[in-house]
Structures are given as structure tokens and as C-alpha cells.
PDB file of all heavy atoms in Angstrom:
ATOM      1  N   LYS A   1       0.816  -1.212   0.003  1.00  0.00           N
ATOM      2  CA  LYS A   1       0.004  -0.001  -0.015  1.00  0.00           C
ATOM      3  C   LYS A   1       0.860   1.260   0.015  1.00  0.00           C
ATOM      4  O   LYS A   1       0.423   2.316  -0.400  1.00  0.00           O
ATOM      5  CB  LYS A   1      -0.944   0.008   1.196  1.00  0.00           C
ATOM      6  CG  LYS A   1      -2.004  -1.056   1.115  1.00  0.00           C
ATOM      7  CD  LYS A   1      -2.970  -0.981   2.271  1.00  0.00           C
ATOM      8  CE  LYS A   1      -3.988  -2.103   2.063  1.00  0.00           C
ATOM      9  NZ  LYS A   1      -5.069  -2.055   3.012  1.00  0.00           N
ATOM     10  N   LYS A   2       2.072   1.117   0.484  1.00  0.00           N
ATOM     11  CA  LYS A   2       3.051   2.208   0.427  1.00  0.00           C
ATOM     12  C   LYS A   2       4.332   1.629  -0.120  1.00  0.00           C
ATOM     13  O   LYS A   2       4.467   0.411  -0.245  1.00  0.00           O
ATOM     14  CB  LYS A   2       3.271   2.846   1.810  1.00  0.00           C
ATOM     15  CG  LYS A   2       3.733   1.836   2.865  1.00  0.00           C
ATOM     16  CD  LYS A   2       3.856   2.481   4.220  1.00  0.00           C
ATOM     17  CE  LYS A   2       4.387   1.447   5.208  1.00  0.00           C
ATOM     18  NZ  LYS A   2       4.553   1.989   6.553  1.00  0.00           N
ATOM     19  N   GLU A   3       5.297   2.465  -0.453  1.00  0.00           N
ATOM     20  CA  GLU A   3       6.533   1.977  -1.036  1.00  0.00           C
ATOM     21  C   GLU A   3       7.396   1.235  -0.004  1.00  0.00           C
ATOM     22  O   GLU A   3       7.595   1.712   1.096  1.00  0.00           O
ATOM     23  CB  GLU A   3       7.348   3.134  -1.632  1.00  0.00           C
ATOM     24  CG  GLU A   3       6.830   3.645  -2.918  1.00  0.00           C
ATOM     25  CD  GLU A   3       7.734   4.682  -3.549  1.00  0.00           C
ATOM     26  OE1 GLU A   3       8.665   5.207  -2.869  1.00  0.00           O
ATOM     27  OE2 GLU A   3       7.508   4.965  -4.732  1.00  0.00           O
ATOM     28  N   ALA A   4       7.874   0.108  -0.406  1.00  0.00           N
ATOM     29  CA  ALA A   4       8.848  -0.666   0.430  1.00  0.00           C
ATOM     30  C   ALA A   4      10.242  -0.258  -0.004  1.00  0.00           C
ATOM     31  O   ALA A   4      10.546  -0.091  -1.182  1.00  0.00           O
ATOM     32  CB  ALA A   4       8.631  -2.142   0.215  1.00  0.00           C
ATOM     33  N   LYS A   5      11.137  -0.083   0.984  1.00  0.00           N
ATOM     34  CA  LYS A   5      12.515   0.296   0.708  1.00  0.00           C
ATOM     35  C   LYS A   5      13.536  -0.725   1.193  1.00  0.00           C
ATOM     36  O   LYS A   5      14.640  -0.790   0.683  1.00  0.00           O
ATOM     37  CB  LYS A   5      12.793   1.644   1.320  1.00  0.00           C
ATOM     38  CG  LYS A   5      11.962   2.754   0.685  1.00  0.00           C
ATOM     39  CD  LYS A   5      12.180   4.066   1.393  1.00  0.00           C
ATOM     40  CE  LYS A   5      11.233   5.096   0.801  1.00  0.00           C
ATOM     41  NZ  LYS A   5      11.066   6.273   1.652  1.00  0.00           N
ATOM     42  N   THR A   6      13.137  -1.513   2.237  1.00  0.00           N
ATOM     43  CA  THR A   6      14.043  -2.511   2.790  1.00  0.00           C
ATOM     44  C   THR A   6      13.303  -3.790   3.047  1.00  0.00           C
ATOM     45  O   THR A   6      12.081  -3.821   3.213  1.00  0.00           O
ATOM     46  CB  THR A   6      14.732  -2.058   4.084  1.00  0.00           C
ATOM     47  OG1 THR A   6      13.741  -1.810   5.072  1.00  0.00           O
ATOM     48  CG2 THR A   6      15.603  -0.838   3.890  1.00  0.00           C
ATOM     49  N   PHE A   7      14.044  -4.896   3.053  1.00  0.00           N
ATOM     50  CA  PHE A   7      13.569  -6.244   3.360  1.00  0.00           C
ATOM     51  C   PHE A   7      14.294  -6.750   4.570  1.00  0.00           C
ATOM     52  O   PHE A   7      15.510  -6.576   4.683  1.00  0.00           O
ATOM     53  CB  PHE A   7      13.831  -7.128   2.162  1.00  0.00           C
ATOM     54  CG  PHE A   7      13.538  -8.614   2.397  1.00  0.00           C
ATOM     55  CD1 PHE A   7      12.217  -9.079   2.409  1.00  0.00           C
ATOM     56  CD2 PHE A   7      14.544  -9.514   2.643  1.00  0.00           C
ATOM     57  CE1 PHE A   7      11.948 -10.388   2.625  1.00  0.00           C
ATOM     58  CE2 PHE A   7      14.302 -10.848   2.827  1.00  0.00           C
ATOM     59  CZ  PHE A   7      12.963 -11.294   2.846  1.00  0.00           C
ATOM     60  N   LYS A   8      13.577  -7.347   5.505  1.00  0.00           N
ATOM     61  CA  LYS A   8      14.169  -7.856   6.751  1.00  0.00           C
ATOM     62  C   LYS A   8      13.708  -9.283   6.932  1.00  0.00           C
ATOM     63  O   LYS A   8      12.534  -9.609   6.665  1.00  0.00           O
ATOM     64  CB  LYS A   8      13.719  -6.980   7.922  1.00  0.00           C
ATOM     65  CG  LYS A   8      14.440  -7.192   9.201  1.00  0.00           C
ATOM     66  CD  LYS A   8      13.944  -6.148  10.206  1.00  0.00           C
ATOM     67  CE  LYS A   8      14.794  -6.069  11.407  1.00  0.00           C
ATOM     68  NZ  LYS A   8      14.327  -5.047  12.332  1.00  0.00           N
ATOM     69  N   VAL A   9      14.598 -10.163   7.465  1.00  0.00           N
ATOM     70  CA  VAL A   9      14.277 -11.585   7.620  1.00  0.00           C
ATOM     71  C   VAL A   9      14.991 -12.124   8.872  1.00  0.00           C
ATOM     72  O   VAL A   9      16.079 -11.638   9.196  1.00  0.00           O
ATOM     73  CB  VAL A   9      14.656 -12.354   6.365  1.00  0.00           C
ATOM     74  CG1 VAL A   9      16.154 -12.349   6.103  1.00  0.00           C
ATOM     75  CG2 VAL A   9      14.155 -13.789   6.384  1.00  0.00           C
ATOM     76  N   SER A  10      14.366 -13.079   9.525  1.00  0.00           N
ATOM     77  CA  SER A  10      15.002 -13.788  10.639  1.00  0.00           C
ATOM     78  C   SER A  10      15.429 -15.165  10.136  1.00  0.00           C
ATOM     79  O   SER A  10      14.625 -15.908   9.576  1.00  0.00           O
ATOM     80  CB  SER A  10      14.002 -13.954  11.788  1.00  0.00           C
ATOM     81  OG  SER A  10      14.565 -14.766  12.802  1.00  0.00           O
ATOM     82  N   ALA A  11      16.737 -15.457  10.273  1.00  0.00           N
ATOM     83  CA  ALA A  11      17.271 -16.714   9.744  1.00  0.00           C
ATOM     84  C   ALA A  11      18.327 -17.295  10.684  1.00  0.00           C
ATOM     85  O   ALA A  11      18.907 -16.603  11.501  1.00  0.00           O
ATOM     86  CB  ALA A  11      17.912 -16.460   8.367  1.00  0.00           C
ATOM     87  N   SER A  12      18.577 -18.566  10.530  1.00  0.00           N
ATOM     88  CA  SER A  12      19.700 -19.262  11.200  1.00  0.00           C
ATOM     89  C   SER A  12      20.425 -20.034  10.111  1.00  0.00           C
ATOM     90  O   SER A  12      19.827 -20.538   9.181  1.00  0.00           O
ATOM     91  CB  SER A  12      19.188 -20.196  12.298  1.00  0.00           C
ATOM     92  OG  SER A  12      18.456 -21.261  11.744  1.00  0.00           O
ATOM     93  N   ALA A  13      21.768 -20.087  10.217  1.00  0.00           N
ATOM     94  CA  ALA A  13      22.539 -20.681   9.135  1.00  0.00           C
ATOM     95  C   ALA A  13      23.869 -21.209   9.615  1.00  0.00           C
ATOM     96  O   ALA A  13      24.523 -20.591  10.446  1.00  0.00           O
ATOM     97  CB  ALA A  13      22.765 -19.651   8.029  1.00  0.00           C
ATOM     98  N   ILE A  14      24.298 -22.307   9.024  1.00  0.00           N
ATOM     99  CA  ILE A  14      25.687 -22.755   9.162  1.00  0.00           C
ATOM    100  C   ILE A  14      26.441 -22.279   7.916  1.00  0.00           C
ATOM    101  O   ILE A  14      27.418 -21.595   8.030  1.00  0.00           O
ATOM    102  CB  ILE A  14      25.757 -24.295   9.316  1.00  0.00           C
ATOM    103  CG1 ILE A  14      25.115 -24.698  10.648  1.00  0.00           C
ATOM    104  CG2 ILE A  14      27.206 -24.765   9.218  1.00  0.00           C
ATOM    105  CD1 ILE A  14      25.026 -26.194  10.861  1.00  0.00           C
ATOM    106  N   THR A  15      25.929 -22.642   6.735  1.00  0.00           N
ATOM    107  CA  THR A  15      26.571 -22.248   5.478  1.00  0.00           C
ATOM    108  C   THR A  15      26.180 -20.847   5.064  1.00  0.00           C
ATOM    109  O   THR A  15      27.050 -20.047   4.732  1.00  0.00           O
ATOM    110  CB  THR A  15      26.132 -23.244   4.364  1.00  0.00           C
ATOM    111  OG1 THR A  15      26.447 -24.568   4.778  1.00  0.00           O
ATOM    112  CG2 THR A  15      26.856 -22.945   3.068  1.00  0.00           C
ATOM    113  N   GLY A  16      24.902 -20.549   5.049  1.00  0.00           N
ATOM    114  CA  GLY A  16      24.445 -19.252   4.562  1.00  0.00           C
ATOM    115  C   GLY A  16      24.213 -19.259   3.061  1.00  0.00           C
ATOM    116  O   GLY A  16      24.386 -20.310   2.391  1.00  0.00           O
ATOM    117  N   GLY A  17      23.793 -18.164   2.521  1.00  0.00           N
ATOM    118  CA  GLY A  17      23.508 -18.035   1.109  1.00  0.00           C
ATOM    119  C   GLY A  17      22.807 -16.702   0.878  1.00  0.00           C
ATOM    120  O   GLY A  17      23.028 -15.741   1.609  1.00  0.00           O
ATOM    121  N   THR A  18      21.965 -16.624  -0.147  1.00  0.00           N
ATOM    122  CA  THR A  18      21.248 -15.405  -0.476  1.00  0.00           C
ATOM    123  C   THR A  18      19.785 -15.679  -0.746  1.00  0.00           C
ATOM    124  O   THR A  18      19.408 -16.808  -1.135  1.00  0.00           O
ATOM    125  CB  THR A  18      21.858 -14.663  -1.687  1.00  0.00           C
ATOM    126  OG1 THR A  18      21.751 -15.501  -2.800  1.00  0.00           O
ATOM    127  CG2 THR A  18      23.287 -14.247  -1.443  1.00  0.00           C
ATOM    128  N   ILE A  19      18.983 -14.644  -0.572  1.00  0.00           N
ATOM    129  CA  ILE A  19      17.574 -14.689  -0.941  1.00  0.00           C
ATOM    130  C   ILE A  19      17.382 -13.652  -2.061  1.00  0.00           C
ATOM    131  O   ILE A  19      17.600 -12.460  -1.805  1.00  0.00           O
ATOM    132  CB  ILE A  19      16.641 -14.356   0.235  1.00  0.00           C
ATOM    133  CG1 ILE A  19      16.882 -15.282   1.401  1.00  0.00           C
ATOM    134  CG2 ILE A  19      15.186 -14.385  -0.226  1.00  0.00           C
ATOM    135  CD1 ILE A  19      16.130 -14.874   2.674  1.00  0.00           C
ATOM    136  N   GLU A  20      17.028 -14.107  -3.242  1.00  0.00           N
ATOM    137  CA  GLU A  20      16.661 -13.174  -4.330  1.00  0.00           C
ATOM    138  C   GLU A  20      15.168 -12.901  -4.168  1.00  0.00           C
ATOM    139  O   GLU A  20      14.363 -13.819  -4.037  1.00  0.00           O
ATOM    140  CB  GLU A  20      16.909 -13.813  -5.677  1.00  0.00           C
ATOM    141  CG  GLU A  20      18.363 -14.019  -6.010  1.00  0.00           C
ATOM    142  CD  GLU A  20      18.533 -14.586  -7.414  1.00  0.00           C
ATOM    143  OE1 GLU A  20      17.540 -14.889  -8.098  1.00  0.00           O
ATOM    144  OE2 GLU A  20      19.697 -14.696  -7.834  1.00  0.00           O
ATOM    145  N   ILE A  21      14.779 -11.638  -4.175  1.00  0.00           N
ATOM    146  CA  ILE A  21      13.390 -11.211  -4.010  1.00  0.00           C
ATOM    147  C   ILE A  21      12.856 -10.795  -5.371  1.00  0.00           C
ATOM    148  O   ILE A  21      13.326  -9.781  -5.913  1.00  0.00           O
ATOM    149  CB  ILE A  21      13.283 -10.090  -2.979  1.00  0.00           C
ATOM    150  CG1 ILE A  21      13.971 -10.504  -1.683  1.00  0.00           C
ATOM    151  CG2 ILE A  21      11.829  -9.719  -2.762  1.00  0.00           C
ATOM    152  CD1 ILE A  21      14.536  -9.337  -0.901  1.00  0.00           C
ATOM    153  N   HIS A  22      11.925 -11.580  -5.925  1.00  0.00           N
ATOM    154  CA  HIS A  22      11.350 -11.290  -7.257  1.00  0.00           C
ATOM    155  C   HIS A  22       9.901 -10.916  -7.162  1.00  0.00           C
ATOM    156  O   HIS A  22       9.165 -11.399  -6.272  1.00  0.00           O
ATOM    157  CB  HIS A  22      11.485 -12.544  -8.138  1.00  0.00           C
ATOM    158  CG  HIS A  22      12.885 -12.900  -8.495  1.00  0.00           C
ATOM    159  ND1 HIS A  22      13.498 -12.437  -9.665  1.00  0.00           N
ATOM    160  CD2 HIS A  22      13.804 -13.683  -7.884  1.00  0.00           C
ATOM    161  CE1 HIS A  22      14.720 -12.915  -9.710  1.00  0.00           C
ATOM    162  NE2 HIS A  22      14.947 -13.668  -8.655  1.00  0.00           N
ATOM    163  N   LEU A  23       9.452 -10.091  -8.116  1.00  0.00           N
ATOM    164  CA  LEU A  23       8.061  -9.729  -8.191  1.00  0.00           C
ATOM    165  C   LEU A  23       7.308 -10.627  -9.178  1.00  0.00           C
ATOM    166  O   LEU A  23       7.785 -10.873 -10.294  1.00  0.00           O
ATOM    167  CB  LEU A  23       7.892  -8.293  -8.714  1.00  0.00           C
ATOM    168  CG  LEU A  23       8.001  -7.176  -7.699  1.00  0.00           C
ATOM    169  CD1 LEU A  23       7.628  -5.856  -8.387  1.00  0.00           C
ATOM    170  CD2 LEU A  23       7.145  -7.407  -6.485  1.00  0.00           C
ATOM    171  N   ASP A  24       6.175 -11.142  -8.761  1.00  0.00           N
ATOM    172  CA  ASP A  24       5.175 -11.835  -9.581  1.00  0.00           C
ATOM    173  C   ASP A  24       5.531 -13.254 -10.011  1.00  0.00           C
ATOM    174  O   ASP A  24       4.690 -14.118  -9.969  1.00  0.00           O
ATOM    175  CB  ASP A  24       4.724 -10.964 -10.770  1.00  0.00           C
ATOM    176  CG  ASP A  24       4.165  -9.644 -10.301  1.00  0.00           C
ATOM    177  OD1 ASP A  24       3.358  -9.647  -9.344  1.00  0.00           O
ATOM    178  OD2 ASP A  24       4.533  -8.592 -10.848  1.00  0.00           O
ATOM    179  N   THR A  25       6.764 -13.512 -10.457  1.00  0.00           N
ATOM    180  CA  THR A  25       7.173 -14.850 -10.859  1.00  0.00           C
ATOM    181  C   THR A  25       8.596 -15.105 -10.408  1.00  0.00           C
ATOM    182  O   THR A  25       9.331 -14.168 -10.074  1.00  0.00           O
ATOM    183  CB  THR A  25       7.099 -15.070 -12.395  1.00  0.00           C
ATOM    184  OG1 THR A  25       8.114 -14.227 -13.016  1.00  0.00           O
ATOM    185  CG2 THR A  25       5.719 -14.712 -12.952  1.00  0.00           C
ATOM    186  N   LYS A  26       9.032 -16.340 -10.513  1.00  0.00           N
ATOM    187  CA  LYS A  26      10.389 -16.738 -10.140  1.00  0.00           C
ATOM    188  C   LYS A  26      11.420 -15.995 -10.976  1.00  0.00           C
ATOM    189  O   LYS A  26      12.501 -15.686 -10.526  1.00  0.00           O
ATOM    190  CB  LYS A  26      10.547 -18.256 -10.281  1.00  0.00           C
ATOM    191  CG  LYS A  26      11.843 -18.797  -9.764  1.00  0.00           C
ATOM    192  CD  LYS A  26      11.873 -20.329  -9.910  1.00  0.00           C
ATOM    193  CE  LYS A  26      13.253 -20.852  -9.520  1.00  0.00           C
ATOM    194  NZ  LYS A  26      13.395 -22.280  -9.762  1.00  0.00           N
TER     195      LYS A  26
END
């Protein structure tokens, strides 16, 4: 409803990696 500027997530990891955030489809 308003503009988003940042993404926040709670995670636990040994290796780690990345999350790509896409709109509408993969």
C-alpha cells in the first residue's frame, strides 16, 4: 500500500546463502 525500501528476515545458518526477491514470478 506504500513503497517498500528494505527487506528484513530472521534466519539461522551454518553455510548461509542469499535470498533473491522477485516480483510476480520466479
